[in-house]
Amino acid sequence: MQDVLLAMLVKEPSHGYDLRQQLAAALGPLGESLNAGQVYVTLTRLEKAGLVVQEREDEPVRGPRRKVYALTAAGQERAAAWMAESAGPRADVADFHLKLVAAAASGLADPLALVDARRRELIRGLAETQRAALAPGTETRAALLLEGIALRLQADLRWLEACERTWSARRARGEGNA
């Protein structure tokens, strides 16, 4: 969650409440269980690490002055590095989805380019898995595991097709990367 919050702060400083709302909206029904305290604890950790600074709202629109979090130069660098790094072979679908949302919100990366890079990773992994499954001497139990891995990779590839359709449609509607 740390990297997602950093990326969400790239364009402008924000309140913890607003960040939680953005995360919850991005996750849909899965975001209902997102604990608001978790966002604030994470922001405190990021502040202690020197990645964000806490400011006070100058002129609140309503209510008391609230804390506003802004990125430091180190926070900006970490957010950019996170966008550039590979999702890894066992990336969680929700984590990758948040990376796409954060990429669009921050402008640090093109969601379609991230989808394409992830697709290449998965195709490489699928090819390796299929080679291993076809290797002579592969035991039945090991072959079953390899089949499960291959099925998971194929499902992830189909999901990436849906991601590509969605982000392409957003771009065609003029929503840019947002």
Protein backbone atom coordinates (compact mmCIF):
# COMPACT_ATOMS: atom_id res chain seq x y z
CA MET A 1 0.00 0.00 0.00
CA GLN A 2 2.94 2.35 0.60
CA ASP A 3 3.88 2.60 -3.05
CA VAL A 4 0.27 3.10 -4.13
CA LEU A 5 -0.15 5.99 -1.69
CA LEU A 6 3.10 7.57 -2.86
CA ALA A 7 1.98 7.38 -6.49
CA MET A 8 -1.39 8.88 -5.58
CA LEU A 9 0.41 11.89 -4.10
CA VAL A 10 2.51 12.61 -7.20
CA LYS A 11 0.18 15.14 -8.80
CA GLU A 12 -0.81 16.99 -5.64
CA PRO A 13 -0.84 16.77 -1.84
CA SER A 14 -3.91 15.14 -0.32
CA HIS A 15 -5.75 14.35 2.88
CA GLY A 16 -5.63 10.82 4.24
CA TYR A 17 -9.41 10.64 3.99
CA ASP A 18 -9.32 11.51 0.29
CA LEU A 19 -6.61 8.92 -0.34
CA ARG A 20 -8.71 6.26 1.39
CA GLN A 21 -11.73 7.24 -0.72
CA GLN A 22 -9.68 6.94 -3.92
CA LEU A 23 -8.38 3.52 -2.89
CA ALA A 24 -11.85 2.31 -1.93
CA ALA A 25 -13.27 3.52 -5.25
CA ALA A 26 -10.48 1.80 -7.18
CA LEU A 27 -11.09 -1.48 -5.38
CA GLY A 28 -14.89 -1.36 -5.63
CA PRO A 29 -16.57 -3.88 -3.33
CA LEU A 30 -13.17 -5.13 -2.17
CA GLY A 31 -12.41 -1.63 -0.91
CA GLU A 32 -15.27 -1.72 1.61
CA SER A 33 -13.06 -3.63 4.01
CA LEU A 34 -10.21 -1.10 3.70
CA ASN A 35 -9.56 0.18 7.20
CA ALA A 36 -9.14 3.96 7.30
CA GLY A 37 -6.64 3.54 10.14
CA GLN A 38 -4.43 1.47 7.83
CA VAL A 39 -4.08 4.43 5.47
CA TYR A 40 -3.07 6.77 8.31
CA VAL A 41 -0.63 4.25 9.80
CA THR A 42 0.95 3.85 6.37
CA LEU A 43 1.18 7.62 5.91
CA THR A 44 2.88 7.91 9.32
CA ARG A 45 5.42 5.25 8.29
CA LEU A 46 6.05 7.07 5.01
CA GLU A 47 6.58 10.30 6.94
CA LYS A 48 9.06 8.66 9.32
CA ALA A 49 10.90 7.25 6.29
CA GLY A 50 11.19 10.75 4.83
CA LEU A 51 9.01 9.96 1.81
CA VAL A 52 6.13 12.32 2.67
CA VAL A 53 5.74 15.45 4.78
CA GLN A 54 2.71 16.47 6.71
CA GLU A 55 1.29 19.95 6.27
CA ARG A 56 -1.83 21.68 7.54
CA GLU A 57 -4.56 22.86 5.26
CA ASP A 58 -4.35 26.66 4.98
CA GLU A 59 -7.99 27.54 4.43
CA PRO A 60 -10.29 24.53 4.87
CA VAL A 61 -13.43 24.50 2.75
CA ARG A 62 -15.37 23.17 5.72
CA GLY A 63 -14.61 22.03 9.24
CA PRO A 64 -11.28 22.21 11.07
CA ARG A 65 -7.89 22.36 9.39
CA ARG A 66 -6.82 18.87 8.34
CA LYS A 67 -3.49 17.22 7.72
CA VAL A 68 -2.35 17.22 4.13
CA TYR A 69 0.37 14.86 2.95
CA ALA A 70 2.85 15.81 0.24
CA LEU A 71 5.70 13.89 -1.38
CA THR A 72 9.32 14.63 -0.69
CA ALA A 73 11.91 14.27 -3.45
CA ALA A 74 12.73 10.81 -2.07
CA GLY A 75 9.04 9.90 -2.18
CA GLN A 76 8.82 11.05 -5.79
CA GLU A 77 11.83 8.90 -6.69
CA ARG A 78 10.41 5.84 -4.95
CA ALA A 79 7.02 6.22 -6.66
CA ALA A 80 8.72 6.47 -10.07
CA ALA A 81 10.92 3.44 -9.30
CA TRP A 82 7.87 1.39 -8.25
CA MET A 83 6.11 2.22 -11.51
CA ALA A 84 9.16 1.08 -13.47
CA GLU A 85 9.66 -2.22 -11.65
CA SER A 86 8.32 -5.56 -12.80
CA ALA A 87 5.22 -6.93 -11.12
CA GLY A 88 6.98 -10.24 -10.52
CA PRO A 89 5.92 -13.79 -11.27
CA ARG A 90 3.34 -14.06 -8.51
CA ALA A 91 1.85 -10.58 -8.58
CA ASP A 92 -1.55 -10.25 -6.97
CA VAL A 93 -4.31 -9.12 -9.34
CA ALA A 94 -5.55 -6.45 -6.90
CA ASP A 95 -2.01 -5.09 -6.45
CA PHE A 96 -1.48 -4.84 -10.20
CA HIS A 97 -4.90 -3.20 -10.61
CA LEU A 98 -3.93 -0.57 -8.02
CA LYS A 99 -0.68 -0.01 -9.89
CA LEU A 100 -2.68 0.70 -13.07
CA VAL A 101 -4.98 3.10 -11.22
CA ALA A 102 -2.02 4.83 -9.56
CA ALA A 103 -0.19 5.06 -12.89
CA ALA A 104 -3.16 6.80 -14.45
CA ALA A 105 -3.71 9.14 -11.50
CA SER A 106 -0.05 10.10 -11.17
CA GLY A 107 0.91 10.24 -14.83
CA LEU A 108 4.10 8.33 -13.94
CA ALA A 109 3.35 5.54 -16.41
CA ASP A 110 0.93 4.60 -19.15
CA PRO A 111 -1.45 1.88 -17.88
CA LEU A 112 -1.46 0.27 -21.34
CA ALA A 113 2.34 0.07 -21.34
CA LEU A 114 2.22 -1.58 -17.90
CA VAL A 115 -0.35 -4.09 -19.19
CA ASP A 116 1.86 -4.85 -22.18
CA ALA A 117 4.95 -5.36 -20.01
CA ARG A 118 2.99 -7.63 -17.65
CA ARG A 119 1.70 -9.63 -20.63
CA ARG A 120 5.26 -10.24 -21.82
CA GLU A 121 6.25 -11.44 -18.32
CA LEU A 122 3.30 -13.84 -18.16
CA ILE A 123 3.91 -15.23 -21.65
CA ARG A 124 7.54 -15.89 -20.73
CA GLY A 125 6.44 -17.63 -17.54
CA LEU A 126 3.84 -19.68 -19.37
CA ALA A 127 6.39 -20.83 -21.95
CA GLU A 128 8.81 -21.89 -19.19
CA THR A 129 6.06 -23.75 -17.37
CA GLN A 130 4.93 -25.56 -20.50
CA ARG A 131 8.52 -26.57 -21.31
CA ALA A 132 8.93 -27.96 -17.81
CA ALA A 133 5.64 -29.87 -18.04
CA LEU A 134 6.71 -31.48 -21.32
CA ALA A 135 10.20 -32.37 -20.11
CA PRO A 136 10.93 -36.10 -20.02
CA GLY A 137 10.64 -37.66 -16.59
CA THR A 138 8.18 -35.16 -15.16
CA GLU A 139 6.26 -37.04 -12.48
CA THR A 140 2.47 -37.06 -12.51
CA ARG A 141 2.33 -35.05 -9.26
CA ALA A 142 4.77 -32.45 -10.57
CA ALA A 143 2.89 -32.31 -13.89
CA LEU A 144 -0.31 -31.56 -11.98
CA LEU A 145 1.36 -28.65 -10.21
CA LEU A 146 2.75 -27.33 -13.49
CA GLU A 147 -0.71 -27.58 -15.06
CA GLY A 148 -2.10 -25.49 -12.19
CA ILE A 149 0.58 -22.87 -12.70
CA ALA A 150 -0.09 -22.78 -16.45
CA LEU A 151 -3.84 -22.38 -15.88
CA ARG A 152 -3.24 -19.51 -13.47
CA LEU A 153 -0.97 -17.77 -15.99
CA GLN A 154 -3.55 -18.24 -18.75
CA ALA A 155 -6.26 -16.76 -16.53
CA ASP A 156 -4.03 -13.78 -15.75
CA LEU A 157 -3.43 -13.27 -19.49
CA ARG A 158 -7.19 -13.23 -20.13
CA TRP A 159 -7.63 -10.69 -17.34
CA LEU A 160 -4.94 -8.50 -18.93
CA GLU A 161 -6.97 -8.55 -22.15
CA ALA A 162 -9.89 -7.11 -20.15
CA CYS A 163 -7.56 -4.50 -18.63
CA GLU A 164 -6.36 -3.51 -22.08
CA ARG A 165 -9.93 -3.14 -23.38
CA THR A 166 -10.92 -1.00 -20.40
CA TRP A 167 -7.92 1.33 -20.48
CA SER A 168 -8.11 1.62 -24.27
CA ALA A 169 -11.79 2.58 -24.02
CA ARG A 170 -10.97 5.21 -21.39
CA ARG A 171 -8.34 6.68 -23.69
CA ALA A 172 -10.77 6.66 -26.65
CA ARG A 173 -13.34 8.55 -24.55
CA GLY A 174 -10.72 11.23 -23.93
CA GLU A 175 -10.13 10.31 -20.32
CA GLY A 176 -6.41 10.11 -21.06
CA ASN A 177 -4.53 8.12 -18.48
CA ALA A 178 -6.94 9.08 -15.69
